[in-house]
Amino acid sequence: MDICFAIAFSTAVLWRVPGPLTLSWQHSVELFRIEEDWRAGAEGLLLTEVRTGGLGAGVDVPADAQWVNGWLRSHPALPPQPQVALANSRYGRGYRACWAGQCAELGSLVGVVDRPLVMAPCDGGP
């Protein structure tokens, strides 16, 4: 199922991508990379794996976390989410999206910066 991005509090889809999708960004204080793997289904968005390149402020270490090739990897026990809000601020290190072997900065893909975005499963259609 595809994943759609829209401006928060709007129904207009800015960008649609086939899932699964990896979102990544840089920790705002410690400056290490964080990556999240998401897939969409009828039940919502499912976070399948989280990888962090370090430890720091605001980063909890899950019980199942293991260091593998320089990444702290875990598989969160988070239930499917109907949507996920993203800050999309120019003051943080922006989100990068990767899907089907390609990657790009999320802000350039959706054409919007400094407005919160919502990521959700697409409701069908083109």
PDB file of N, CA and C in Angstrom:
ATOM      1  N   MET A   1       0.837  -1.176   0.000  1.00  0.00           N
ATOM      2  CA  MET A   1       0.000   0.000   0.000  1.00  0.00           C
ATOM      3  C   MET A   1       0.887   1.246   0.000  1.00  0.00           C
ATOM      4  N   ASP A   2       0.440   2.283  -0.690  1.00  0.00           N
ATOM      5  CA  ASP A   2       1.192   3.532  -0.785  1.00  0.00           C
ATOM      6  C   ASP A   2       1.109   4.348   0.509  1.00  0.00           C
ATOM      7  N   ILE A   3       2.081   5.224   0.671  1.00  0.00           N
ATOM      8  CA  ILE A   3       2.128   6.157   1.797  1.00  0.00           C
ATOM      9  C   ILE A   3       1.991   7.564   1.234  1.00  0.00           C
ATOM     10  N   CYS A   4       1.102   8.360   1.849  1.00  0.00           N
ATOM     11  CA  CYS A   4       0.855   9.729   1.378  1.00  0.00           C
ATOM     12  C   CYS A   4       1.315  10.749   2.408  1.00  0.00           C
ATOM     13  N   PHE A   5       1.735  11.903   1.909  1.00  0.00           N
ATOM     14  CA  PHE A   5       2.140  13.028   2.754  1.00  0.00           C
ATOM     15  C   PHE A   5       1.256  14.221   2.430  1.00  0.00           C
ATOM     16  N   ALA A   6       0.817  14.924   3.475  1.00  0.00           N
ATOM     17  CA  ALA A   6      -0.019  16.112   3.320  1.00  0.00           C
ATOM     18  C   ALA A   6       0.404  17.127   4.368  1.00  0.00           C
ATOM     19  N   ILE A   7       0.062  18.388   4.139  1.00  0.00           N
ATOM     20  CA  ILE A   7       0.266  19.409   5.167  1.00  0.00           C
ATOM     21  C   ILE A   7      -0.703  19.097   6.294  1.00  0.00           C
ATOM     22  N   ALA A   8      -0.252  19.226   7.543  1.00  0.00           N
ATOM     23  CA  ALA A   8      -1.120  18.955   8.686  1.00  0.00           C
ATOM     24  C   ALA A   8      -2.396  19.778   8.579  1.00  0.00           C
ATOM     25  N   PHE A   9      -3.517  19.176   8.949  1.00  0.00           N
ATOM     26  CA  PHE A   9      -4.850  19.792   8.919  1.00  0.00           C
ATOM     27  C   PHE A   9      -5.338  20.069   7.503  1.00  0.00           C
ATOM     28  N   SER A  10      -4.801  19.347   6.532  1.00  0.00           N
ATOM     29  CA  SER A  10      -5.214  19.490   5.141  1.00  0.00           C
ATOM     30  C   SER A  10      -5.472  18.096   4.578  1.00  0.00           C
ATOM     31  N   THR A  11      -6.305  18.013   3.585  1.00  0.00           N
ATOM     32  CA  THR A  11      -6.552  16.722   2.945  1.00  0.00           C
ATOM     33  C   THR A  11      -5.849  16.613   1.598  1.00  0.00           C
ATOM     34  N   ALA A  12      -5.227  17.702   1.149  1.00  0.00           N
ATOM     35  CA  ALA A  12      -4.545  17.690  -0.150  1.00  0.00           C
ATOM     36  C   ALA A  12      -3.244  16.900  -0.056  1.00  0.00           C
ATOM     37  N   VAL A  13      -3.128  15.836  -0.832  1.00  0.00           N
ATOM     38  CA  VAL A  13      -1.925  15.015  -0.844  1.00  0.00           C
ATOM     39  C   VAL A  13      -0.840  15.736  -1.633  1.00  0.00           C
ATOM     40  N   LEU A  14       0.319  15.924  -1.004  1.00  0.00           N
ATOM     41  CA  LEU A  14       1.452  16.584  -1.657  1.00  0.00           C
ATOM     42  C   LEU A  14       2.343  15.585  -2.377  1.00  0.00           C
ATOM     43  N   TRP A  15       2.411  14.363  -1.833  1.00  0.00           N
ATOM     44  CA  TRP A  15       3.321  13.376  -2.395  1.00  0.00           C
ATOM     45  C   TRP A  15       2.831  11.997  -2.007  1.00  0.00           C
ATOM     46  N   ARG A  16       2.920  11.091  -2.942  1.00  0.00           N
ATOM     47  CA  ARG A  16       2.505   9.705  -2.731  1.00  0.00           C
ATOM     48  C   ARG A  16       3.650   8.808  -3.161  1.00  0.00           C
ATOM     49  N   VAL A  17       3.975   7.820  -2.333  1.00  0.00           N
ATOM     50  CA  VAL A  17       5.099   6.937  -2.623  1.00  0.00           C
ATOM     51  C   VAL A  17       4.694   5.497  -2.316  1.00  0.00           C
ATOM     52  N   PRO A  18       5.151   4.552  -3.139  1.00  0.00           N
ATOM     53  CA  PRO A  18       4.868   3.155  -2.805  1.00  0.00           C
ATOM     54  C   PRO A  18       5.662   2.755  -1.565  1.00  0.00           C
ATOM     55  N   GLY A  19       5.018   2.055  -0.640  1.00  0.00           N
ATOM     56  CA  GLY A  19       5.712   1.583   0.551  1.00  0.00           C
ATOM     57  C   GLY A  19       6.495   0.325   0.215  1.00  0.00           C
ATOM     58  N   PRO A  20       7.383  -0.115   1.067  1.00  0.00           N
ATOM     59  CA  PRO A  20       7.750   0.505   2.333  1.00  0.00           C
ATOM     60  C   PRO A  20       8.626   1.737   2.135  1.00  0.00           C
ATOM     61  N   LEU A  21       8.782   2.500   3.212  1.00  0.00           N
ATOM     62  CA  LEU A  21       9.492   3.769   3.179  1.00  0.00           C
ATOM     63  C   LEU A  21      10.428   3.849   4.373  1.00  0.00           C
ATOM     64  N   THR A  22      11.631   4.376   4.150  1.00  0.00           N
ATOM     65  CA  THR A  22      12.552   4.665   5.255  1.00  0.00           C
ATOM     66  C   THR A  22      12.645   6.167   5.404  1.00  0.00           C
ATOM     67  N   LEU A  23      12.374   6.667   6.611  1.00  0.00           N
ATOM     68  CA  LEU A  23      12.570   8.078   6.939  1.00  0.00           C
ATOM     69  C   LEU A  23      13.828   8.177   7.782  1.00  0.00           C
ATOM     70  N   SER A  24      14.668   9.146   7.475  1.00  0.00           N
ATOM     71  CA  SER A  24      15.875   9.333   8.277  1.00  0.00           C
ATOM     72  C   SER A  24      16.087  10.820   8.521  1.00  0.00           C
ATOM     73  N   TRP A  25      16.829  11.124   9.568  1.00  0.00           N
ATOM     74  CA  TRP A  25      17.164  12.499   9.919  1.00  0.00           C
ATOM     75  C   TRP A  25      18.333  12.468  10.887  1.00  0.00           C
ATOM     76  N   GLN A  26      18.847  13.631  11.220  1.00  0.00           N
ATOM     77  CA  GLN A  26      19.974  13.737  12.137  1.00  0.00           C
ATOM     78  C   GLN A  26      19.481  14.234  13.489  1.00  0.00           C
ATOM     79  N   HIS A  27      19.934  13.574  14.566  1.00  0.00           N
ATOM     80  CA  HIS A  27      19.589  13.995  15.925  1.00  0.00           C
ATOM     81  C   HIS A  27      20.013  15.448  16.102  1.00  0.00           C
ATOM     82  N   SER A  28      19.139  16.281  16.641  1.00  0.00           N
ATOM     83  CA  SER A  28      19.384  17.727  16.686  1.00  0.00           C
ATOM     84  C   SER A  28      20.499  18.139  17.640  1.00  0.00           C
ATOM     85  N   VAL A  29      20.828  17.324  18.630  1.00  0.00           N
ATOM     86  CA  VAL A  29      21.872  17.683  19.598  1.00  0.00           C
ATOM     87  C   VAL A  29      23.133  16.856  19.379  1.00  0.00           C
ATOM     88  N   GLU A  30      22.976  15.548  19.340  1.00  0.00           N
ATOM     89  CA  GLU A  30      24.121  14.640  19.249  1.00  0.00           C
ATOM     90  C   GLU A  30      24.623  14.451  17.821  1.00  0.00           C
ATOM     91  N   LEU A  31      23.805  14.827  16.835  1.00  0.00           N
ATOM     92  CA  LEU A  31      24.144  14.816  15.406  1.00  0.00           C
ATOM     93  C   LEU A  31      24.421  13.435  14.822  1.00  0.00           C
ATOM     94  N   PHE A  32      23.843  12.370  15.414  1.00  0.00           N
ATOM     95  CA  PHE A  32      23.939  11.058  14.785  1.00  0.00           C
ATOM     96  C   PHE A  32      22.666  10.808  13.980  1.00  0.00           C
ATOM     97  N   ARG A  33      22.743   9.854  13.093  1.00  0.00           N
ATOM     98  CA  ARG A  33      21.635   9.544  12.181  1.00  0.00           C
ATOM     99  C   ARG A  33      20.610   8.629  12.851  1.00  0.00           C
ATOM    100  N   ILE A  34      19.350   8.863  12.541  1.00  0.00           N
ATOM    101  CA  ILE A  34      18.244   8.018  12.990  1.00  0.00           C
ATOM    102  C   ILE A  34      17.467   7.597  11.740  1.00  0.00           C
ATOM    103  N   GLU A  35      17.122   6.329  11.660  1.00  0.00           N
ATOM    104  CA  GLU A  35      16.347   5.821  10.527  1.00  0.00           C
ATOM    105  C   GLU A  35      15.162   5.013  11.049  1.00  0.00           C
ATOM    106  N   GLU A  36      14.002   5.191  10.397  1.00  0.00           N
ATOM    107  CA  GLU A  36      12.805   4.433  10.726  1.00  0.00           C
ATOM    108  C   GLU A  36      12.245   3.804   9.455  1.00  0.00           C
ATOM    109  N   ASP A  37      11.899   2.531   9.521  1.00  0.00           N
ATOM    110  CA  ASP A  37      11.274   1.837   8.395  1.00  0.00           C
ATOM    111  C   ASP A  37       9.777   1.735   8.651  1.00  0.00           C
ATOM    112  N   TRP A  38       8.983   2.213   7.688  1.00  0.00           N
ATOM    113  CA  TRP A  38       7.523   2.219   7.786  1.00  0.00           C
ATOM    114  C   TRP A  38       6.914   1.457   6.632  1.00  0.00           C
ATOM    115  N   ARG A  39       5.800   0.782   6.894  1.00  0.00           N
ATOM    116  CA  ARG A  39       4.999   0.203   5.823  1.00  0.00           C
ATOM    117  C   ARG A  39       3.542   0.538   6.108  1.00  0.00           C
ATOM    118  N   ALA A  40       2.755   0.608   5.066  1.00  0.00           N
ATOM    119  CA  ALA A  40       1.343   0.957   5.199  1.00  0.00           C
ATOM    120  C   ALA A  40       0.476  -0.250   4.906  1.00  0.00           C
ATOM    121  N   GLY A  41      -0.610  -0.356   5.640  1.00  0.00           N
ATOM    122  CA  GLY A  41      -1.587  -1.405   5.424  1.00  0.00           C
ATOM    123  C   GLY A  41      -2.960  -0.891   5.811  1.00  0.00           C
ATOM    124  N   ALA A  42      -3.949  -1.717   5.658  1.00  0.00           N
ATOM    125  CA  ALA A  42      -5.324  -1.323   5.979  1.00  0.00           C
ATOM    126  C   ALA A  42      -5.469  -0.912   7.442  1.00  0.00           C
ATOM    127  N   GLU A  43      -4.616  -1.464   8.307  1.00  0.00           N
ATOM    128  CA  GLU A  43      -4.685  -1.146   9.734  1.00  0.00           C
ATOM    129  C   GLU A  43      -3.986   0.170  10.090  1.00  0.00           C
ATOM    130  N   GLY A  44      -3.172   0.707   9.188  1.00  0.00           N
ATOM    131  CA  GLY A  44      -2.459   1.964   9.425  1.00  0.00           C
ATOM    132  C   GLY A  44      -0.991   1.840   9.061  1.00  0.00           C
ATOM    133  N   LEU A  45      -0.191   2.769   9.567  1.00  0.00           N
ATOM    134  CA  LEU A  45       1.262   2.744   9.351  1.00  0.00           C
ATOM    135  C   LEU A  45       1.911   1.901  10.434  1.00  0.00           C
ATOM    136  N   LEU A  46       2.787   1.016  10.026  1.00  0.00           N
ATOM    137  CA  LEU A  46       3.479   0.152  10.970  1.00  0.00           C
ATOM    138  C   LEU A  46       4.971   0.456  10.941  1.00  0.00           C
ATOM    139  N   LEU A  47       5.518   0.785  12.102  1.00  0.00           N
ATOM    140  CA  LEU A  47       6.952   1.026  12.262  1.00  0.00           C
ATOM    141  C   LEU A  47       7.610  -0.329  12.463  1.00  0.00           C
ATOM    142  N   THR A  48       8.400  -0.771  11.476  1.00  0.00           N
ATOM    143  CA  THR A  48       8.948  -2.123  11.525  1.00  0.00           C
ATOM    144  C   THR A  48      10.349  -2.203  12.118  1.00  0.00           C
ATOM    145  N   GLU A  49      11.147  -1.131  11.978  1.00  0.00           N
ATOM    146  CA  GLU A  49      12.490  -1.127  12.569  1.00  0.00           C
ATOM    147  C   GLU A  49      12.952   0.303  12.761  1.00  0.00           C
ATOM    148  N   VAL A  50      13.733   0.512  13.837  1.00  0.00           N
ATOM    149  CA  VAL A  50      14.378   1.792  14.105  1.00  0.00           C
ATOM    150  C   VAL A  50      15.867   1.527  14.251  1.00  0.00           C
ATOM    151  N   ARG A  51      16.671   2.394  13.605  1.00  0.00           N
ATOM    152  CA  ARG A  51      18.124   2.300  13.715  1.00  0.00           C
ATOM    153  C   ARG A  51      18.654   3.674  14.148  1.00  0.00           C
ATOM    154  N   THR A  52      19.499   3.680  15.158  1.00  0.00           N
ATOM    155  CA  THR A  52      20.146   4.926  15.568  1.00  0.00           C
ATOM    156  C   THR A  52      21.648   4.728  15.510  1.00  0.00           C
ATOM    157  N   GLY A  53      22.339   5.775  15.093  1.00  0.00           N
ATOM    158  CA  GLY A  53      23.787   5.717  14.966  1.00  0.00           C
ATOM    159  C   GLY A  53      24.502   6.111  16.240  1.00  0.00           C
ATOM    160  N   GLY A  54      23.772   6.263  17.344  1.00  0.00           N
ATOM    161  CA  GLY A  54      24.384   6.636  18.610  1.00  0.00           C
ATOM    162  C   GLY A  54      23.330   6.746  19.688  1.00  0.00           C
ATOM    163  N   LEU A  55      23.772   7.211  20.846  1.00  0.00           N
ATOM    164  CA  LEU A  55      22.880   7.423  21.977  1.00  0.00           C
ATOM    165  C   LEU A  55      22.967   8.886  22.389  1.00  0.00           C
ATOM    166  N   GLY A  56      21.862   9.416  22.888  1.00  0.00           N
ATOM    167  CA  GLY A  56      21.878  10.805  23.319  1.00  0.00           C
ATOM    168  C   GLY A  56      20.545  11.233  23.887  1.00  0.00           C
ATOM    169  N   ALA A  57      20.411  12.522  24.086  1.00  0.00           N
ATOM    170  CA  ALA A  57      19.217  13.112  24.681  1.00  0.00           C
ATOM    171  C   ALA A  57      17.960  12.672  23.944  1.00  0.00           C
ATOM    172  N   GLY A  58      16.986  12.156  24.698  1.00  0.00           N
ATOM    173  CA  GLY A  58      15.703  11.782  24.125  1.00  0.00           C
ATOM    174  C   GLY A  58      15.679  10.451  23.411  1.00  0.00           C
ATOM    175  N   VAL A  59      16.774   9.709  23.426  1.00  0.00           N
ATOM    176  CA  VAL A  59      16.818   8.414  22.749  1.00  0.00           C
ATOM    177  C   VAL A  59      16.818   7.317  23.808  1.00  0.00           C
ATOM    178  N   ASP A  60      15.683   6.631  23.906  1.00  0.00           N
ATOM    179  CA  ASP A  60      15.577   5.504  24.835  1.00  0.00           C
ATOM    180  C   ASP A  60      16.115   4.249  24.160  1.00  0.00           C
ATOM    181  N   VAL A  61      16.675   3.371  24.956  1.00  0.00           N
ATOM    182  CA  VAL A  61      17.193   2.108  24.423  1.00  0.00           C
ATOM    183  C   VAL A  61      16.141   1.028  24.686  1.00  0.00           C
ATOM    184  N   PRO A  62      15.468   0.564  23.631  1.00  0.00           N
ATOM    185  CA  PRO A  62      14.464  -0.488  23.809  1.00  0.00           C
ATOM    186  C   PRO A  62      15.089  -1.786  24.303  1.00  0.00           C
ATOM    187  N   ALA A  63      14.278  -2.607  24.951  1.00  0.00           N
ATOM    188  CA  ALA A  63      14.762  -3.874  25.514  1.00  0.00           C
ATOM    189  C   ALA A  63      15.329  -4.799  24.440  1.00  0.00           C
ATOM    190  N   ASP A  64      14.785  -4.744  23.220  1.00  0.00           N
ATOM    191  CA  ASP A  64      15.250  -5.653  22.165  1.00  0.00           C
ATOM    192  C   ASP A  64      16.393  -5.076  21.333  1.00  0.00           C
ATOM    193  N   ALA A  65      16.888  -3.893  21.684  1.00  0.00           N
ATOM    194  CA  ALA A  65      17.915  -3.218  20.876  1.00  0.00           C
ATOM    195  C   ALA A  65      19.235  -3.986  20.889  1.00  0.00           C
ATOM    196  N   GLN A  66      19.883  -4.016  19.710  1.00  0.00           N
ATOM    197  CA  GLN A  66      21.189  -4.656  19.564  1.00  0.00           C
ATOM    198  C   GLN A  66      22.067  -3.790  18.674  1.00  0.00           C
ATOM    199  N   TRP A  67      23.358  -3.710  19.005  1.00  0.00           N
ATOM    200  CA  TRP A  67      24.309  -3.021  18.140  1.00  0.00           C
ATOM    201  C   TRP A  67      24.678  -3.954  16.997  1.00  0.00           C
ATOM    202  N   VAL A  68      24.447  -3.510  15.765  1.00  0.00           N
ATOM    203  CA  VAL A  68      24.773  -4.302  14.580  1.00  0.00           C
ATOM    204  C   VAL A  68      25.419  -3.359  13.560  1.00  0.00           C
ATOM    205  N   ASN A  69      26.681  -3.610  13.239  1.00  0.00           N
ATOM    206  CA  ASN A  69      27.402  -2.817  12.233  1.00  0.00           C
ATOM    207  C   ASN A  69      27.295  -1.308  12.467  1.00  0.00           C
ATOM    208  N   GLY A  70      27.472  -0.871  13.704  1.00  0.00           N
ATOM    209  CA  GLY A  70      27.473   0.562  14.026  1.00  0.00           C
ATOM    210  C   GLY A  70      26.106   1.179  14.233  1.00  0.00           C
ATOM    211  N   TRP A  71      25.046   0.377  14.200  1.00  0.00           N
ATOM    212  CA  TRP A  71      23.686   0.862  14.404  1.00  0.00           C
ATOM    213  C   TRP A  71      23.060   0.161  15.605  1.00  0.00           C
ATOM    214  N   LEU A  72      22.362   0.925  16.433  1.00  0.00           N
ATOM    215  CA  LEU A  72      21.537   0.354  17.480  1.00  0.00           C
ATOM    216  C   LEU A  72      20.182   0.064  16.831  1.00  0.00           C
ATOM    217  N   ARG A  73      19.881  -1.220  16.642  1.00  0.00           N
ATOM    218  CA  ARG A  73      18.671  -1.625  15.906  1.00  0.00           C
ATOM    219  C   ARG A  73      17.624  -2.155  16.881  1.00  0.00           C
ATOM    220  N   SER A  74      16.356  -1.793  16.631  1.00  0.00           N
ATOM    221  CA  SER A  74      15.264  -2.319  17.445  1.00  0.00           C
ATOM    222  C   SER A  74      14.012  -2.459  16.590  1.00  0.00           C
ATOM    223  N   HIS A  75      13.072  -3.231  17.109  1.00  0.00           N
ATOM    224  CA  HIS A  75      11.791  -3.480  16.440  1.00  0.00           C
ATOM    225  C   HIS A  75      10.691  -3.084  17.421  1.00  0.00           C
ATOM    226  N   PRO A  76      10.230  -1.837  17.343  1.00  0.00           N
ATOM    227  CA  PRO A  76       9.266  -1.320  18.321  1.00  0.00           C
ATOM    228  C   PRO A  76       7.961  -2.111  18.357  1.00  0.00           C
ATOM    229  N   ALA A  77       7.392  -2.195  19.535  1.00  0.00           N
ATOM    230  CA  ALA A  77       6.100  -2.856  19.724  1.00  0.00           C
ATOM    231  C   ALA A  77       5.000  -1.794  19.678  1.00  0.00           C
ATOM    232  N   LEU A  78       5.053  -0.954  18.678  1.00  0.00           N
ATOM    233  CA  LEU A  78       4.088   0.126  18.505  1.00  0.00           C
ATOM    234  C   LEU A  78       2.932  -0.383  17.651  1.00  0.00           C
ATOM    235  N   PRO A  79       1.690  -0.169  18.080  1.00  0.00           N
ATOM    236  CA  PRO A  79       0.574  -0.608  17.234  1.00  0.00           C
ATOM    237  C   PRO A  79       0.512   0.233  15.962  1.00  0.00           C
ATOM    238  N   PRO A  80      -0.176  -0.243  14.933  1.00  0.00           N
ATOM    239  CA  PRO A  80      -0.316   0.548  13.704  1.00  0.00           C
ATOM    240  C   PRO A  80      -0.888   1.931  14.012  1.00  0.00           C
ATOM    241  N   GLN A  81      -0.342   2.934  13.337  1.00  0.00           N
ATOM    242  CA  GLN A  81      -0.744   4.317  13.557  1.00  0.00           C
ATOM    243  C   GLN A  81      -1.597   4.800  12.386  1.00  0.00           C
ATOM    244  N   PRO A  82      -2.714   5.507  12.648  1.00  0.00           N
ATOM    245  CA  PRO A  82      -3.521   6.023  11.553  1.00  0.00           C
ATOM    246  C   PRO A  82      -2.777   7.096  10.759  1.00  0.00           C
ATOM    247  N   GLN A  83      -1.893   7.826  11.452  1.00  0.00           N
ATOM    248  CA  GLN A  83      -1.050   8.829  10.802  1.00  0.00           C
ATOM    249  C   GLN A  83       0.121   9.161  11.716  1.00  0.00           C
ATOM    250  N   VAL A  84       1.150   9.791  11.133  1.00  0.00           N
ATOM    251  CA  VAL A  84       2.336  10.195  11.889  1.00  0.00           C
ATOM    252  C   VAL A  84       2.629  11.642  11.518  1.00  0.00           C
ATOM    253  N   ALA A  85       2.753  12.505  12.526  1.00  0.00           N
ATOM    254  CA  ALA A  85       3.060  13.924  12.296  1.00  0.00           C
ATOM    255  C   ALA A  85       4.573  14.116  12.247  1.00  0.00           C
ATOM    256  N   LEU A  86       5.024  14.934  11.290  1.00  0.00           N
ATOM    257  CA  LEU A  86       6.445  15.244  11.115  1.00  0.00           C
ATOM    258  C   LEU A  86       6.622  16.755  11.211  1.00  0.00           C
ATOM    259  N   ALA A  87       7.600  17.213  11.984  1.00  0.00           N
ATOM    260  CA  ALA A  87       7.797  18.651  12.207  1.00  0.00           C
ATOM    261  C   ALA A  87       8.145  19.405  10.926  1.00  0.00           C
ATOM    262  N   ASN A  88       9.006  18.852  10.088  1.00  0.00           N
ATOM    263  CA  ASN A  88       9.370  19.470   8.808  1.00  0.00           C
ATOM    264  C   ASN A  88       9.892  20.899   8.974  1.00  0.00           C
ATOM    265  N   SER A  89      10.747  21.119   9.947  1.00  0.00           N
ATOM    266  CA  SER A  89      11.286  22.453  10.241  1.00  0.00           C
ATOM    267  C   SER A  89      12.636  22.674   9.572  1.00  0.00           C
ATOM    268  N   ARG A  90      12.887  23.883   9.155  1.00  0.00           N
ATOM    269  CA  ARG A  90      14.188  24.202   8.560  1.00  0.00           C
ATOM    270  C   ARG A  90      15.294  24.237   9.616  1.00  0.00           C
ATOM    271  N   TYR A  91      14.917  24.276  10.896  1.00  0.00           N
ATOM    272  CA  TYR A  91      15.906  24.392  11.968  1.00  0.00           C
ATOM    273  C   TYR A  91      16.501  23.056  12.380  1.00  0.00           C
ATOM    274  N   GLY A  92      15.869  21.967  12.007  1.00  0.00           N
ATOM    275  CA  GLY A  92      16.435  20.642  12.255  1.00  0.00           C
ATOM    276  C   GLY A  92      17.090  20.147  10.982  1.00  0.00           C
ATOM    277  N   ARG A  93      17.758  19.041  11.081  1.00  0.00           N
ATOM    278  CA  ARG A  93      18.315  18.418   9.880  1.00  0.00           C
ATOM    279  C   ARG A  93      17.175  17.669   9.224  1.00  0.00           C
ATOM    280  N   GLY A  94      16.734  18.110   8.063  1.00  0.00           N
ATOM    281  CA  GLY A  94      15.527  17.634   7.415  1.00  0.00           C
ATOM    282  C   GLY A  94      15.413  16.143   7.214  1.00  0.00           C
ATOM    283  N   TYR A  95      14.194  15.723   7.063  1.00  0.00           N
ATOM    284  CA  TYR A  95      13.913  14.317   6.801  1.00  0.00           C
ATOM    285  C   TYR A  95      14.385  13.932   5.405  1.00  0.00           C
ATOM    286  N   ARG A  96      14.873  12.718   5.297  1.00  0.00           N
ATOM    287  CA  ARG A  96      15.236  12.131   4.010  1.00  0.00           C
ATOM    288  C   ARG A  96      14.359  10.893   3.857  1.00  0.00           C
ATOM    289  N   ALA A  97      13.785  10.732   2.693  1.00  0.00           N
ATOM    290  CA  ALA A  97      12.912   9.593   2.424  1.00  0.00           C
ATOM    291  C   ALA A  97      13.579   8.677   1.413  1.00  0.00           C
ATOM    292  N   CYS A  98      13.502   7.378   1.670  1.00  0.00           N
ATOM    293  CA  CYS A  98      14.042   6.381   0.738  1.00  0.00           C
ATOM    294  C   CYS A  98      12.965   5.337   0.479  1.00  0.00           C
ATOM    295  N   TRP A  99      12.806   4.980  -0.789  1.00  0.00           N
ATOM    296  CA  TRP A  99      11.812   3.992  -1.213  1.00  0.00           C
ATOM    297  C   TRP A  99      12.274   3.403  -2.539  1.00  0.00           C
ATOM    298  N   ALA A 100      12.016   2.153  -2.758  1.00  0.00           N
ATOM    299  CA  ALA A 100      12.297   1.467  -4.029  1.00  0.00           C
ATOM    300  C   ALA A 100      13.675   1.808  -4.599  1.00  0.00           C
ATOM    301  N   GLY A 101      14.701   1.851  -3.744  1.00  0.00           N
ATOM    302  CA  GLY A 101      16.061   2.074  -4.207  1.00  0.00           C
ATOM    303  C   GLY A 101      16.438   3.510  -4.515  1.00  0.00           C
ATOM    304  N   GLN A 102      15.590   4.466  -4.184  1.00  0.00           N
ATOM    305  CA  GLN A 102      15.927   5.879  -4.405  1.00  0.00           C
ATOM    306  C   GLN A 102      15.687   6.680  -3.138  1.00  0.00           C
ATOM    307  N   CYS A 103      16.383   7.808  -3.001  1.00  0.00           N
ATOM    308  CA  CYS A 103      16.267   8.655  -1.816  1.00  0.00           C
ATOM    309  C   CYS A 103      16.242  10.116  -2.227  1.00  0.00           C
ATOM    310  N   ALA A 104      15.578  10.937  -1.401  1.00  0.00           N
ATOM    311  CA  ALA A 104      15.540  12.380  -1.633  1.00  0.00           C
ATOM    312  C   ALA A 104      15.126  13.076  -0.343  1.00  0.00           C
ATOM    313  N   GLU A 105      15.446  14.364  -0.252  1.00  0.00           N
ATOM    314  CA  GLU A 105      15.016  15.162   0.897  1.00  0.00           C
ATOM    315  C   GLU A 105      13.504  15.321   0.845  1.00  0.00           C
ATOM    316  N   LEU A 106      12.831  15.068   1.956  1.00  0.00           N
ATOM    317  CA  LEU A 106      11.378  15.126   1.985  1.00  0.00           C
ATOM    318  C   LEU A 106      10.860  16.520   1.636  1.00  0.00           C
ATOM    319  N   GLY A 107      11.498  17.575   2.151  1.00  0.00           N
ATOM    320  CA  GLY A 107      11.059  18.940   1.857  1.00  0.00           C
ATOM    321  C   GLY A 107      11.044  19.248   0.375  1.00  0.00           C
ATOM    322  N   SER A 108      12.038  18.749  -0.356  1.00  0.00           N
ATOM    323  CA  SER A 108      12.061  19.008  -1.801  1.00  0.00           C
ATOM    324  C   SER A 108      11.015  18.174  -2.534  1.00  0.00           C
ATOM    325  N   LEU A 109      10.700  16.994  -2.014  1.00  0.00           N
ATOM    326  CA  LEU A 109       9.691  16.148  -2.647  1.00  0.00           C
ATOM    327  C   LEU A 109       8.287  16.719  -2.499  1.00  0.00           C
ATOM    328  N   VAL A 110       7.986  17.261  -1.311  1.00  0.00           N
ATOM    329  CA  VAL A 110       6.636  17.782  -1.074  1.00  0.00           C
ATOM    330  C   VAL A 110       6.542  19.272  -1.386  1.00  0.00           C
ATOM    331  N   GLY A 111       7.690  19.952  -1.537  1.00  0.00           N
ATOM    332  CA  GLY A 111       7.688  21.366  -1.882  1.00  0.00           C
ATOM    333  C   GLY A 111       7.305  22.286  -0.736  1.00  0.00           C
ATOM    334  N   VAL A 112       7.412  21.802   0.504  1.00  0.00           N
ATOM    335  CA  VAL A 112       6.999  22.586   1.668  1.00  0.00           C
ATOM    336  C   VAL A 112       8.031  22.424   2.776  1.00  0.00           C
ATOM    337  N   VAL A 113       8.416  23.537   3.402  1.00  0.00           N
ATOM    338  CA  VAL A 113       9.281  23.526   4.577  1.00  0.00           C
ATOM    339  C   VAL A 113       8.643  24.435   5.612  1.00  0.00           C
ATOM    340  N   ASP A 114       8.879  24.155   6.871  1.00  0.00           N
ATOM    341  CA  ASP A 114       8.347  24.940   7.993  1.00  0.00           C
ATOM    342  C   ASP A 114       6.837  24.833   8.158  1.00  0.00           C
ATOM    343  N   ARG A 115       6.255  23.777   7.653  1.00  0.00           N
ATOM    344  CA  ARG A 115       4.850  23.466   7.917  1.00  0.00           C
ATOM    345  C   ARG A 115       4.792  21.994   8.273  1.00  0.00           C
ATOM    346  N   PRO A 116       4.160  21.674   9.388  1.00  0.00           N
ATOM    347  CA  PRO A 116       4.090  20.265   9.779  1.00  0.00           C
ATOM    348  C   PRO A 116       3.431  19.421   8.697  1.00  0.00           C
ATOM    349  N   LEU A 117       3.932  18.216   8.550  1.00  0.00           N
ATOM    350  CA  LEU A 117       3.394  17.263   7.580  1.00  0.00           C
ATOM    351  C   LEU A 117       2.757  16.085   8.310  1.00  0.00           C
ATOM    352  N   VAL A 118       1.864  15.420   7.615  1.00  0.00           N
ATOM    353  CA  VAL A 118       1.264  14.194   8.127  1.00  0.00           C
ATOM    354  C   VAL A 118       1.547  13.095   7.115  1.00  0.00           C
ATOM    355  N   MET A 119       2.022  11.966   7.614  1.00  0.00           N
ATOM    356  CA  MET A 119       2.254  10.778   6.807  1.00  0.00           C
ATOM    357  C   MET A 119       1.160   9.776   7.174  1.00  0.00           C
ATOM    358  N   ALA A 120       0.498   9.205   6.159  1.00  0.00           N
ATOM    359  CA  ALA A 120      -0.599   8.270   6.425  1.00  0.00           C
ATOM    360  C   ALA A 120      -0.724   7.292   5.257  1.00  0.00           C
ATOM    361  N   PRO A 121      -1.381   6.152   5.484  1.00  0.00           N
ATOM    362  CA  PRO A 121      -1.666   5.266   4.352  1.00  0.00           C
ATOM    363  C   PRO A 121      -2.578   5.989   3.374  1.00  0.00           C
ATOM    364  N   CYS A 122      -2.361   5.785   2.080  1.00  0.00           N
ATOM    365  CA  CYS A 122      -3.222   6.403   1.073  1.00  0.00           C
ATOM    366  C   CYS A 122      -4.555   5.670   1.049  1.00  0.00           C
ATOM    367  N   ASP A 123      -5.603   6.407   0.750  1.00  0.00           N
ATOM    368  CA  ASP A 123      -6.958   5.854   0.725  1.00  0.00           C
ATOM    369  C   ASP A 123      -7.357   5.314  -0.628  1.00  0.00           C
ATOM    370  N   GLY A 124      -6.423   4.888  -1.418  1.00  0.00           N
ATOM    371  CA  GLY A 124      -6.750   4.406  -2.755  1.00  0.00           C
ATOM    372  C   GLY A 124      -6.665   5.530  -3.768  1.00  0.00           C
ATOM    373  N   GLY A 125      -7.195   5.344  -4.929  1.00  0.00           N
ATOM    374  CA  GLY A 125      -7.127   6.369  -5.959  1.00  0.00           C
ATOM    375  C   GLY A 125      -5.775   6.377  -6.629  1.00  0.00           C
ATOM    376  N   PRO A 126      -5.518   7.369  -7.502  1.00  0.00           N
ATOM    377  CA  PRO A 126      -4.255   7.398  -8.247  1.00  0.00           C
ATOM    378  C   PRO A 126      -3.070   7.739  -7.378  1.00  0.00           C
TER     379      PRO A 126
END
